[in-house]
């Protein structure tokens, strides 16, 4: 298990109320950790995208359309798997 460290952050109260209600079962720390990892991964992906465009030029319209279609397929698969986990948990 990775080591952890306690930190203090300031979050707008209305946002904190929303997050607490959404994170009820897994807890606020797990929710915030997941959100930070997601943000870090998106930042890294943007850096990679910027680098690739510098090296190879911007995407053409066909490439952009194909990429968005693939992302839609990945999102659909992710939702299918997430729904499967919830269904499996309910059956247990």
PDB file of N, CA and C in Angstrom:
ATOM      1  N   UNK A   1       0.833  -1.168   0.000  1.00  0.00           N
ATOM      2  CA  UNK A   1       0.000   0.000   0.000  1.00  0.00           C
ATOM      3  C   UNK A   1       0.887   1.244   0.000  1.00  0.00           C
ATOM      4  N   UNK A   2       0.519   2.239  -0.806  1.00  0.00           N
ATOM      5  CA  UNK A   2       1.283   3.473  -0.882  1.00  0.00           C
ATOM      6  C   UNK A   2       1.158   4.249   0.428  1.00  0.00           C
ATOM      7  N   UNK A   3       2.229   4.921   0.782  1.00  0.00           N
ATOM      8  CA  UNK A   3       2.150   5.736   1.989  1.00  0.00           C
ATOM      9  C   UNK A   3       1.289   6.963   1.711  1.00  0.00           C
ATOM     10  N   UNK A   4       0.737   7.520   2.758  1.00  0.00           N
ATOM     11  CA  UNK A   4      -0.118   8.687   2.618  1.00  0.00           C
ATOM     12  C   UNK A   4       0.396   9.808   3.509  1.00  0.00           C
ATOM     13  N   UNK A   5      -0.056  11.000   3.228  1.00  0.00           N
ATOM     14  CA  UNK A   5       0.319  12.157   4.030  1.00  0.00           C
ATOM     15  C   UNK A   5      -0.900  13.050   4.136  1.00  0.00           C
ATOM     16  N   UNK A   6      -1.150  13.521   5.315  1.00  0.00           N
ATOM     17  CA  UNK A   6      -2.282  14.395   5.569  1.00  0.00           C
ATOM     18  C   UNK A   6      -1.908  15.824   5.166  1.00  0.00           C
ATOM     19  N   UNK A   7      -2.800  16.490   4.429  1.00  0.00           N
ATOM     20  CA  UNK A   7      -2.586  17.869   4.009  1.00  0.00           C
ATOM     21  C   UNK A   7      -3.850  18.680   4.283  1.00  0.00           C
ATOM     22  N   UNK A   8      -3.705  19.967   4.264  1.00  0.00           N
ATOM     23  CA  UNK A   8      -4.842  20.856   4.437  1.00  0.00           C
ATOM     24  C   UNK A   8      -5.077  21.602   3.128  1.00  0.00           C
ATOM     25  N   UNK A   9      -6.313  21.605   2.665  1.00  0.00           N
ATOM     26  CA  UNK A   9      -6.676  22.342   1.457  1.00  0.00           C
ATOM     27  C   UNK A   9      -7.918  23.175   1.745  1.00  0.00           C
ATOM     28  N   UNK A  10      -8.115  24.201   0.951  1.00  0.00           N
ATOM     29  CA  UNK A  10      -9.292  25.048   1.083  1.00  0.00           C
ATOM     30  C   UNK A  10     -10.193  24.805  -0.121  1.00  0.00           C
ATOM     31  N   UNK A  11     -11.450  24.467   0.143  1.00  0.00           N
ATOM     32  CA  UNK A  11     -12.422  24.143  -0.904  1.00  0.00           C
ATOM     33  C   UNK A  11     -13.674  24.978  -0.657  1.00  0.00           C
ATOM     34  N   UNK A  12     -14.245  25.559  -1.701  1.00  0.00           N
ATOM     35  CA  UNK A  12     -15.494  26.290  -1.503  1.00  0.00           C
ATOM     36  C   UNK A  12     -16.546  25.404  -0.831  1.00  0.00           C
ATOM     37  N   UNK A  13     -17.267  25.976   0.113  1.00  0.00           N
ATOM     38  CA  UNK A  13     -18.202  25.206   0.931  1.00  0.00           C
ATOM     39  C   UNK A  13     -19.275  24.498   0.105  1.00  0.00           C
ATOM     40  N   UNK A  14     -19.819  25.167  -0.905  1.00  0.00           N
ATOM     41  CA  UNK A  14     -20.865  24.531  -1.712  1.00  0.00           C
ATOM     42  C   UNK A  14     -20.329  23.312  -2.467  1.00  0.00           C
ATOM     43  N   UNK A  15     -19.100  23.419  -2.971  1.00  0.00           N
ATOM     44  CA  UNK A  15     -18.479  22.284  -3.656  1.00  0.00           C
ATOM     45  C   UNK A  15     -18.218  21.150  -2.681  1.00  0.00           C
ATOM     46  N   UNK A  16     -17.740  21.469  -1.505  1.00  0.00           N
ATOM     47  CA  UNK A  16     -17.475  20.455  -0.491  1.00  0.00           C
ATOM     48  C   UNK A  16     -18.750  19.701  -0.113  1.00  0.00           C
ATOM     49  N   UNK A  17     -19.862  20.417   0.021  1.00  0.00           N
ATOM     50  CA  UNK A  17     -21.135  19.771   0.331  1.00  0.00           C
ATOM     51  C   UNK A  17     -21.530  18.778  -0.762  1.00  0.00           C
ATOM     52  N   UNK A  18     -21.363  19.181  -2.027  1.00  0.00           N
ATOM     53  CA  UNK A  18     -21.680  18.281  -3.142  1.00  0.00           C
ATOM     54  C   UNK A  18     -20.778  17.051  -3.129  1.00  0.00           C
ATOM     55  N   UNK A  19     -19.493  17.274  -2.930  1.00  0.00           N
ATOM     56  CA  UNK A  19     -18.526  16.170  -2.944  1.00  0.00           C
ATOM     57  C   UNK A  19     -18.807  15.194  -1.809  1.00  0.00           C
ATOM     58  N   UNK A  20     -19.086  15.711  -0.638  1.00  0.00           N
ATOM     59  CA  UNK A  20     -19.360  14.822   0.498  1.00  0.00           C
ATOM     60  C   UNK A  20     -20.562  13.927   0.217  1.00  0.00           C
ATOM     61  N   UNK A  21     -21.601  14.470  -0.393  1.00  0.00           N
ATOM     62  CA  UNK A  21     -22.778  13.640  -0.666  1.00  0.00           C
ATOM     63  C   UNK A  21     -22.471  12.594  -1.736  1.00  0.00           C
ATOM     64  N   UNK A  22     -21.648  12.937  -2.719  1.00  0.00           N
ATOM     65  CA  UNK A  22     -21.289  11.988  -3.775  1.00  0.00           C
ATOM     66  C   UNK A  22     -20.283  10.944  -3.292  1.00  0.00           C
ATOM     67  N   UNK A  23     -19.433  11.316  -2.349  1.00  0.00           N
ATOM     68  CA  UNK A  23     -18.351  10.448  -1.904  1.00  0.00           C
ATOM     69  C   UNK A  23     -18.709   9.652  -0.659  1.00  0.00           C
ATOM     70  N   UNK A  24     -19.952   9.668  -0.263  1.00  0.00           N
ATOM     71  CA  UNK A  24     -20.372   9.103   1.022  1.00  0.00           C
ATOM     72  C   UNK A  24     -19.786   7.727   1.318  1.00  0.00           C
ATOM     73  N   UNK A  25     -19.970   6.770   0.424  1.00  0.00           N
ATOM     74  CA  UNK A  25     -19.540   5.390   0.711  1.00  0.00           C
ATOM     75  C   UNK A  25     -18.024   5.228   0.718  1.00  0.00           C
ATOM     76  N   UNK A  26     -17.346   5.782  -0.269  1.00  0.00           N
ATOM     77  CA  UNK A  26     -15.899   5.559  -0.350  1.00  0.00           C
ATOM     78  C   UNK A  26     -15.101   6.559   0.453  1.00  0.00           C
ATOM     79  N   UNK A  27     -15.709   7.662   0.849  1.00  0.00           N
ATOM     80  CA  UNK A  27     -15.036   8.642   1.699  1.00  0.00           C
ATOM     81  C   UNK A  27     -14.443   9.794   0.918  1.00  0.00           C
ATOM     82  N   UNK A  28     -14.327  10.917   1.596  1.00  0.00           N
ATOM     83  CA  UNK A  28     -13.840  12.143   0.980  1.00  0.00           C
ATOM     84  C   UNK A  28     -12.395  11.999   0.492  1.00  0.00           C
ATOM     85  N   UNK A  29     -11.534  11.399   1.293  1.00  0.00           N
ATOM     86  CA  UNK A  29     -10.126  11.255   0.892  1.00  0.00           C
ATOM     87  C   UNK A  29      -9.991  10.440  -0.383  1.00  0.00           C
ATOM     88  N   UNK A  30     -10.717   9.341  -0.483  1.00  0.00           N
ATOM     89  CA  UNK A  30     -10.649   8.510  -1.694  1.00  0.00           C
ATOM     90  C   UNK A  30     -11.172   9.276  -2.898  1.00  0.00           C
ATOM     91  N   UNK A  31     -12.241  10.025  -2.714  1.00  0.00           N
ATOM     92  CA  UNK A  31     -12.825  10.809  -3.803  1.00  0.00           C
ATOM     93  C   UNK A  31     -11.830  11.860  -4.302  1.00  0.00           C
ATOM     94  N   UNK A  32     -11.229  12.597  -3.368  1.00  0.00           N
ATOM     95  CA  UNK A  32     -10.280  13.647  -3.739  1.00  0.00           C
ATOM     96  C   UNK A  32      -9.040  13.035  -4.386  1.00  0.00           C
ATOM     97  N   UNK A  33      -8.561  11.929  -3.875  1.00  0.00           N
ATOM     98  CA  UNK A  33      -7.409  11.253  -4.466  1.00  0.00           C
ATOM     99  C   UNK A  33      -7.699  10.858  -5.904  1.00  0.00           C
ATOM    100  N   UNK A  34      -8.875  10.270  -6.135  1.00  0.00           N
ATOM    101  CA  UNK A  34      -9.258   9.878  -7.492  1.00  0.00           C
ATOM    102  C   UNK A  34      -9.333  11.102  -8.412  1.00  0.00           C
ATOM    103  N   UNK A  35      -9.898  12.197  -7.920  1.00  0.00           N
ATOM    104  CA  UNK A  35     -10.012  13.416  -8.725  1.00  0.00           C
ATOM    105  C   UNK A  35      -8.639  13.990  -9.069  1.00  0.00           C
ATOM    106  N   UNK A  36      -7.727  13.972  -8.101  1.00  0.00           N
ATOM    107  CA  UNK A  36      -6.384  14.487  -8.354  1.00  0.00           C
ATOM    108  C   UNK A  36      -5.633  13.616  -9.351  1.00  0.00           C
ATOM    109  N   UNK A  37      -5.780  12.308  -9.236  1.00  0.00           N
ATOM    110  CA  UNK A  37      -5.136  11.416 -10.218  1.00  0.00           C
ATOM    111  C   UNK A  37      -5.689  11.654 -11.617  1.00  0.00           C
ATOM    112  N   UNK A  38      -6.999  11.826 -11.708  1.00  0.00           N
ATOM    113  CA  UNK A  38      -7.636  12.088 -12.994  1.00  0.00           C
ATOM    114  C   UNK A  38      -7.097  13.385 -13.593  1.00  0.00           C
ATOM    115  N   UNK A  39      -6.988  14.433 -12.786  1.00  0.00           N
ATOM    116  CA  UNK A  39      -6.476  15.720 -13.260  1.00  0.00           C
ATOM    117  C   UNK A  39      -5.023  15.594 -13.691  1.00  0.00           C
ATOM    118  N   UNK A  40      -4.218  14.901 -12.896  1.00  0.00           N
ATOM    119  CA  UNK A  40      -2.812  14.694 -13.256  1.00  0.00           C
ATOM    120  C   UNK A  40      -2.696  13.958 -14.587  1.00  0.00           C
ATOM    121  N   UNK A  41      -3.497  12.923 -14.763  1.00  0.00           N
ATOM    122  CA  UNK A  41      -3.452  12.146 -16.002  1.00  0.00           C
ATOM    123  C   UNK A  41      -3.877  12.992 -17.201  1.00  0.00           C
ATOM    124  N   UNK A  42      -4.886  13.824 -17.039  1.00  0.00           N
ATOM    125  CA  UNK A  42      -5.327  14.717 -18.127  1.00  0.00           C
ATOM    126  C   UNK A  42      -4.236  15.724 -18.472  1.00  0.00           C
ATOM    127  N   UNK A  43      -3.558  16.255 -17.452  1.00  0.00           N
ATOM    128  CA  UNK A  43      -2.464  17.196 -17.706  1.00  0.00           C
ATOM    129  C   UNK A  43      -1.347  16.518 -18.496  1.00  0.00           C
ATOM    130  N   UNK A  44      -1.014  15.297 -18.123  1.00  0.00           N
ATOM    131  CA  UNK A  44       0.032  14.549 -18.841  1.00  0.00           C
ATOM    132  C   UNK A  44      -0.396  14.252 -20.276  1.00  0.00           C
ATOM    133  N   UNK A  45      -1.651  13.916 -20.454  1.00  0.00           N
ATOM    134  CA  UNK A  45      -2.158  13.642 -21.795  1.00  0.00           C
ATOM    135  C   UNK A  45      -2.116  14.905 -22.656  1.00  0.00           C
ATOM    136  N   UNK A  46      -2.467  16.046 -22.061  1.00  0.00           N
ATOM    137  CA  UNK A  46      -2.393  17.314 -22.803  1.00  0.00           C
ATOM    138  C   UNK A  46      -0.945  17.614 -23.195  1.00  0.00           C
ATOM    139  N   UNK A  47       0.005  17.372 -22.284  1.00  0.00           N
ATOM    140  CA  UNK A  47       1.418  17.585 -22.606  1.00  0.00           C
ATOM    141  C   UNK A  47       1.840  16.696 -23.772  1.00  0.00           C
ATOM    142  N   UNK A  48       1.415  15.432 -23.760  1.00  0.00           N
ATOM    143  CA  UNK A  48       1.738  14.517 -24.843  1.00  0.00           C
ATOM    144  C   UNK A  48       1.114  14.988 -26.149  1.00  0.00           C
ATOM    145  N   UNK A  49      -0.132  15.401 -26.086  1.00  0.00           N
ATOM    146  CA  UNK A  49      -0.818  15.895 -27.275  1.00  0.00           C
ATOM    147  C   UNK A  49      -0.101  17.111 -27.853  1.00  0.00           C
ATOM    148  N   UNK A  50       0.275  18.038 -26.991  1.00  0.00           N
ATOM    149  CA  UNK A  50       1.001  19.231 -27.449  1.00  0.00           C
ATOM    150  C   UNK A  50       2.324  18.846 -28.100  1.00  0.00           C
ATOM    151  N   UNK A  51       3.039  17.928 -27.476  1.00  0.00           N
ATOM    152  CA  UNK A  51       4.323  17.492 -28.018  1.00  0.00           C
ATOM    153  C   UNK A  51       4.137  16.826 -29.387  1.00  0.00           C
ATOM    154  N   UNK A  52       3.136  15.948 -29.488  1.00  0.00           N
ATOM    155  CA  UNK A  52       2.895  15.265 -30.760  1.00  0.00           C
ATOM    156  C   UNK A  52       2.526  16.257 -31.858  1.00  0.00           C
ATOM    157  N   UNK A  53       1.745  17.275 -31.514  1.00  0.00           N
ATOM    158  CA  UNK A  53       1.397  18.276 -32.521  1.00  0.00           C
ATOM    159  C   UNK A  53       2.614  19.100 -32.941  1.00  0.00           C
ATOM    160  N   UNK A  54       3.506  19.380 -32.003  1.00  0.00           N
ATOM    161  CA  UNK A  54       4.735  20.086 -32.354  1.00  0.00           C
ATOM    162  C   UNK A  54       5.596  19.243 -33.293  1.00  0.00           C
ATOM    163  N   UNK A  55       5.654  17.935 -33.010  1.00  0.00           N
ATOM    164  CA  UNK A  55       6.494  17.036 -33.804  1.00  0.00           C
ATOM    165  C   UNK A  55       5.888  16.700 -35.166  1.00  0.00           C
ATOM    166  N   UNK A  56       4.548  16.520 -35.208  1.00  0.00           N
ATOM    167  CA  UNK A  56       3.917  15.980 -36.417  1.00  0.00           C
ATOM    168  C   UNK A  56       2.861  16.888 -37.019  1.00  0.00           C
ATOM    169  N   UNK A  57       2.644  18.045 -36.429  1.00  0.00           N
ATOM    170  CA  UNK A  57       1.634  18.960 -36.940  1.00  0.00           C
ATOM    171  C   UNK A  57       0.265  18.635 -36.366  1.00  0.00           C
ATOM    172  N   UNK A  58      -0.670  19.560 -36.548  1.00  0.00           N
ATOM    173  CA  UNK A  58      -2.013  19.358 -35.998  1.00  0.00           C
ATOM    174  C   UNK A  58      -2.763  18.242 -36.723  1.00  0.00           C
ATOM    175  N   UNK A  59      -3.779  17.727 -36.054  1.00  0.00           N
ATOM    176  CA  UNK A  59      -4.612  16.684 -36.649  1.00  0.00           C
ATOM    177  C   UNK A  59      -5.459  17.262 -37.774  1.00  0.00           C
ATOM    178  N   UNK A  60      -5.672  16.455 -38.809  1.00  0.00           N
ATOM    179  CA  UNK A  60      -6.609  16.822 -39.853  1.00  0.00           C
ATOM    180  C   UNK A  60      -8.026  16.510 -39.378  1.00  0.00           C
ATOM    181  N   UNK A  61      -9.010  16.962 -40.116  1.00  0.00           N
ATOM    182  CA  UNK A  61     -10.408  16.748 -39.715  1.00  0.00           C
ATOM    183  C   UNK A  61     -10.757  15.266 -39.641  1.00  0.00           C
ATOM    184  N   UNK A  62     -10.276  14.453 -40.587  1.00  0.00           N
ATOM    185  CA  UNK A  62     -10.547  13.002 -40.559  1.00  0.00           C
ATOM    186  C   UNK A  62      -9.943  12.364 -39.315  1.00  0.00           C
ATOM    187  N   UNK A  63      -8.717  12.734 -38.990  1.00  0.00           N
ATOM    188  CA  UNK A  63      -8.046  12.187 -37.808  1.00  0.00           C
ATOM    189  C   UNK A  63      -8.772  12.607 -36.528  1.00  0.00           C
ATOM    190  N   UNK A  64      -9.202  13.860 -36.477  1.00  0.00           N
ATOM    191  CA  UNK A  64      -9.910  14.368 -35.307  1.00  0.00           C
ATOM    192  C   UNK A  64     -11.239  13.616 -35.129  1.00  0.00           C
ATOM    193  N   UNK A  65     -11.974  13.428 -36.221  1.00  0.00           N
ATOM    194  CA  UNK A  65     -13.243  12.710 -36.163  1.00  0.00           C
ATOM    195  C   UNK A  65     -13.032  11.275 -35.690  1.00  0.00           C
ATOM    196  N   UNK A  66     -12.020  10.602 -36.241  1.00  0.00           N
ATOM    197  CA  UNK A  66     -11.723   9.225 -35.842  1.00  0.00           C
ATOM    198  C   UNK A  66     -11.347   9.155 -34.367  1.00  0.00           C
ATOM    199  N   UNK A  67     -10.573  10.126 -33.899  1.00  0.00           N
ATOM    200  CA  UNK A  67     -10.166  10.138 -32.486  1.00  0.00           C
ATOM    201  C   UNK A  67     -11.375  10.312 -31.580  1.00  0.00           C
ATOM    202  N   UNK A  68     -12.277  11.230 -31.927  1.00  0.00           N
ATOM    203  CA  UNK A  68     -13.462  11.437 -31.102  1.00  0.00           C
ATOM    204  C   UNK A  68     -14.385  10.219 -31.120  1.00  0.00           C
ATOM    205  N   UNK A  69     -14.480   9.542 -32.253  1.00  0.00           N
ATOM    206  CA  UNK A  69     -15.277   8.313 -32.310  1.00  0.00           C
ATOM    207  C   UNK A  69     -14.684   7.240 -31.407  1.00  0.00           C
ATOM    208  N   UNK A  70     -13.370   7.132 -31.419  1.00  0.00           N
ATOM    209  CA  UNK A  70     -12.709   6.146 -30.558  1.00  0.00           C
ATOM    210  C   UNK A  70     -12.912   6.492 -29.083  1.00  0.00           C
ATOM    211  N   UNK A  71     -12.843   7.779 -28.748  1.00  0.00           N
ATOM    212  CA  UNK A  71     -13.090   8.190 -27.369  1.00  0.00           C
ATOM    213  C   UNK A  71     -14.522   7.868 -26.951  1.00  0.00           C
ATOM    214  N   UNK A  72     -15.476   8.067 -27.844  1.00  0.00           N
ATOM    215  CA  UNK A  72     -16.870   7.724 -27.539  1.00  0.00           C
ATOM    216  C   UNK A  72     -17.007   6.231 -27.283  1.00  0.00           C
ATOM    217  N   UNK A  73     -16.335   5.413 -28.087  1.00  0.00           N
ATOM    218  CA  UNK A  73     -16.359   3.961 -27.879  1.00  0.00           C
ATOM    219  C   UNK A  73     -15.746   3.600 -26.523  1.00  0.00           C
ATOM    220  N   UNK A  74     -14.634   4.243 -26.172  1.00  0.00           N
ATOM    221  CA  UNK A  74     -13.996   3.977 -24.881  1.00  0.00           C
ATOM    222  C   UNK A  74     -14.896   4.407 -23.726  1.00  0.00           C
ATOM    223  N   UNK A  75     -15.549   5.557 -23.867  1.00  0.00           N
ATOM    224  CA  UNK A  75     -16.475   6.011 -22.825  1.00  0.00           C
ATOM    225  C   UNK A  75     -17.628   5.029 -22.656  1.00  0.00           C
ATOM    226  N   UNK A  76     -18.162   4.532 -23.770  1.00  0.00           N
ATOM    227  CA  UNK A  76     -19.258   3.571 -23.707  1.00  0.00           C
ATOM    228  C   UNK A  76     -18.819   2.281 -23.025  1.00  0.00           C
ATOM    229  N   UNK A  77     -17.616   1.822 -23.339  1.00  0.00           N
ATOM    230  CA  UNK A  77     -17.085   0.613 -22.701  1.00  0.00           C
ATOM    231  C   UNK A  77     -16.882   0.841 -21.206  1.00  0.00           C
ATOM    232  N   UNK A  78     -16.375   2.005 -20.849  1.00  0.00           N
ATOM    233  CA  UNK A  78     -16.172   2.335 -19.437  1.00  0.00           C
ATOM    234  C   UNK A  78     -17.510   2.324 -18.703  1.00  0.00           C
ATOM    235  N   UNK A  79     -18.520   2.930 -19.273  1.00  0.00           N
ATOM    236  CA  UNK A  79     -19.845   2.950 -18.642  1.00  0.00           C
ATOM    237  C   UNK A  79     -20.421   1.540 -18.528  1.00  0.00           C
ATOM    238  N   UNK A  80     -20.203   0.709 -19.559  1.00  0.00           N
ATOM    239  CA  UNK A  80     -20.691  -0.671 -19.522  1.00  0.00           C
ATOM    240  C   UNK A  80     -20.035  -1.436 -18.380  1.00  0.00           C
ATOM    241  N   UNK A  81     -18.732  -1.254 -18.231  1.00  0.00           N
ATOM    242  CA  UNK A  81     -18.018  -1.947 -17.154  1.00  0.00           C
ATOM    243  C   UNK A  81     -18.431  -1.419 -15.790  1.00  0.00           C
ATOM    244  N   UNK A  82     -18.617  -0.099 -15.683  1.00  0.00           N
ATOM    245  CA  UNK A  82     -19.037   0.487 -14.418  1.00  0.00           C
ATOM    246  C   UNK A  82     -20.416  -0.039 -14.033  1.00  0.00           C
ATOM    247  N   UNK A  83     -21.325  -0.115 -14.979  1.00  0.00           N
ATOM    248  CA  UNK A  83     -22.659  -0.640 -14.713  1.00  0.00           C
ATOM    249  C   UNK A  83     -22.584  -2.109 -14.295  1.00  0.00           C
ATOM    250  N   UNK A  84     -21.675  -2.858 -14.917  1.00  0.00           N
ATOM    251  CA  UNK A  84     -21.486  -4.260 -14.543  1.00  0.00           C
ATOM    252  C   UNK A  84     -21.009  -4.427 -13.124  1.00  0.00           C
ATOM    253  N   UNK A  85     -20.126  -3.542 -12.670  1.00  0.00           N
ATOM    254  CA  UNK A  85     -19.639  -3.601 -11.286  1.00  0.00           C
ATOM    255  C   UNK A  85     -20.771  -3.318 -10.315  1.00  0.00           C
ATOM    256  N   UNK A  86     -21.600  -2.310 -10.629  1.00  0.00           N
ATOM    257  CA  UNK A  86     -22.724  -1.974  -9.744  1.00  0.00           C
ATOM    258  C   UNK A  86     -23.726  -3.131  -9.697  1.00  0.00           C
ATOM    259  N   UNK A  87     -23.984  -3.733 -10.868  1.00  0.00           N
ATOM    260  CA  UNK A  87     -24.920  -4.859 -10.917  1.00  0.00           C
ATOM    261  C   UNK A  87     -24.374  -6.039 -10.126  1.00  0.00           C
ATOM    262  N   UNK A  88     -23.066  -6.315 -10.262  1.00  0.00           N
ATOM    263  CA  UNK A  88     -22.459  -7.427  -9.538  1.00  0.00           C
ATOM    264  C   UNK A  88     -22.500  -7.184  -8.039  1.00  0.00           C
ATOM    265  N   UNK A  89     -22.290  -5.940  -7.631  1.00  0.00           N
ATOM    266  CA  UNK A  89     -22.329  -5.610  -6.211  1.00  0.00           C
ATOM    267  C   UNK A  89     -23.708  -5.770  -5.632  1.00  0.00           C
ATOM    268  N   UNK A  90     -24.728  -5.449  -6.415  1.00  0.00           N
ATOM    269  CA  UNK A  90     -26.097  -5.595  -5.940  1.00  0.00           C
ATOM    270  C   UNK A  90     -26.507  -7.053  -5.823  1.00  0.00           C
ATOM    271  N   UNK A  91     -25.936  -7.906  -6.697  1.00  0.00           N
ATOM    272  CA  UNK A  91     -26.299  -9.323  -6.685  1.00  0.00           C
ATOM    273  C   UNK A  91     -25.639 -10.054  -5.532  1.00  0.00           C
ATOM    274  N   UNK A  92     -24.535  -9.514  -5.032  1.00  0.00           N
ATOM    275  CA  UNK A  92     -23.785 -10.198  -3.965  1.00  0.00           C
ATOM    276  C   UNK A  92     -24.492 -10.166  -2.640  1.00  0.00           C
TER     277      UNK A  92
END
